[in-house]
Structure formats: structure tokens, C-alpha cells
Amino acid sequence: MLLARGRTRGAYENVLVGVDFSVYSRRAVAFAERVAPDAQATLIHAYEIPFKNFLSGRARDADISAAERRQIDAELRREADAFLASLSSDRSEAKVVTQEGLAWEVLRNKAAEIGADLVIVGTHGRVGVAHALLGSVAQDMLCNAPCDVLVVKAW
């Protein structure tokens, strides 16, 4: 599903693709290649650290230690490299940006920051209780993105 925020002014030039390193993300990257093959593409992975405030008994607003941050960054880099290696498109050389935060918020802010004209996200297609409990990044992007949004179902 494509939601156009305004009149088309030509080919997409700056595309932001939300990735979670899953099959759904690979499908979103493949669509980016088909819809905007010549566009500058940024792949972004938003993440949250579960129970971050409970780590080492830190206060509510304290951040994790530098060592913990390095460990998380290294793991994310391994995941990103494996994801890029799994792609069968020209985007396999793309840069993956990782940023801590809620997925829809990170995507929205990054799209505005880089002046994206299209955000592409994959969807799991959950409904009912699963959707209510897990939320929907795709739905949030359709409601809040500063530019066009393409939602891609993996199957």
C-alpha cells in the first residue's frame, strides 16, 4: 500500500527503509530497489533495550555503561552485516544506521532529518490480539510520516 502525502514531482530520490533484519525487511528493501532503483537509500534499524533501567541497579534516567553500549553496537553491527549479506539486490552495499528508540518515532525523525521523500516498511500483517499487544510500525508510519509511505507485506 502506498500513501502519497502530496502530488508526485518525479522519481523518488531519497528513500528510508525501516529494517528489523527479518524476511519482512528483505522484502521492503527489494521493493525499494524496484520502486526507486536510482534513489539514495538509507536502511535504519530502531531498537530498544529491554529493562534498561534495571541493568546494574541504575537510576531510572541513567544510561547504560560505555562497555555495555560497545557490546550492543558490536552485536547490531554483526546483525546488520548478516542482513546485508542476505540481500540479493544492489542495496547489499547500503549503509545501515542503528538508533535506540521506538521504531515509528526513530523512522519519523530520521525521515525528517534526511529529507526522505519515501519511507518503506515491511509488515507482519498481524491482526487482533497480536496487533494490539505488539503494535504496528506500519500503521504508525501511515499516520505520522512526513513523506510518502510504502507498506510492504512479506507474503
Foldseek 3Di string as FASTA:
>chain_A
DKDFPDDDPDAFAEEEEEDPLDLLSLVQVVVCCVRHVNHQYEYEYEAEDPPQCPVPVHHPPDGDDPVVVVVVVVVVVVSLLVSLVPHPDPCSPHDYHYYYDDRLVVQQVVCVVVVGQEYEYEWQPDDDPVCVVVPTSQVSCSVRHPHMYHYHYSD
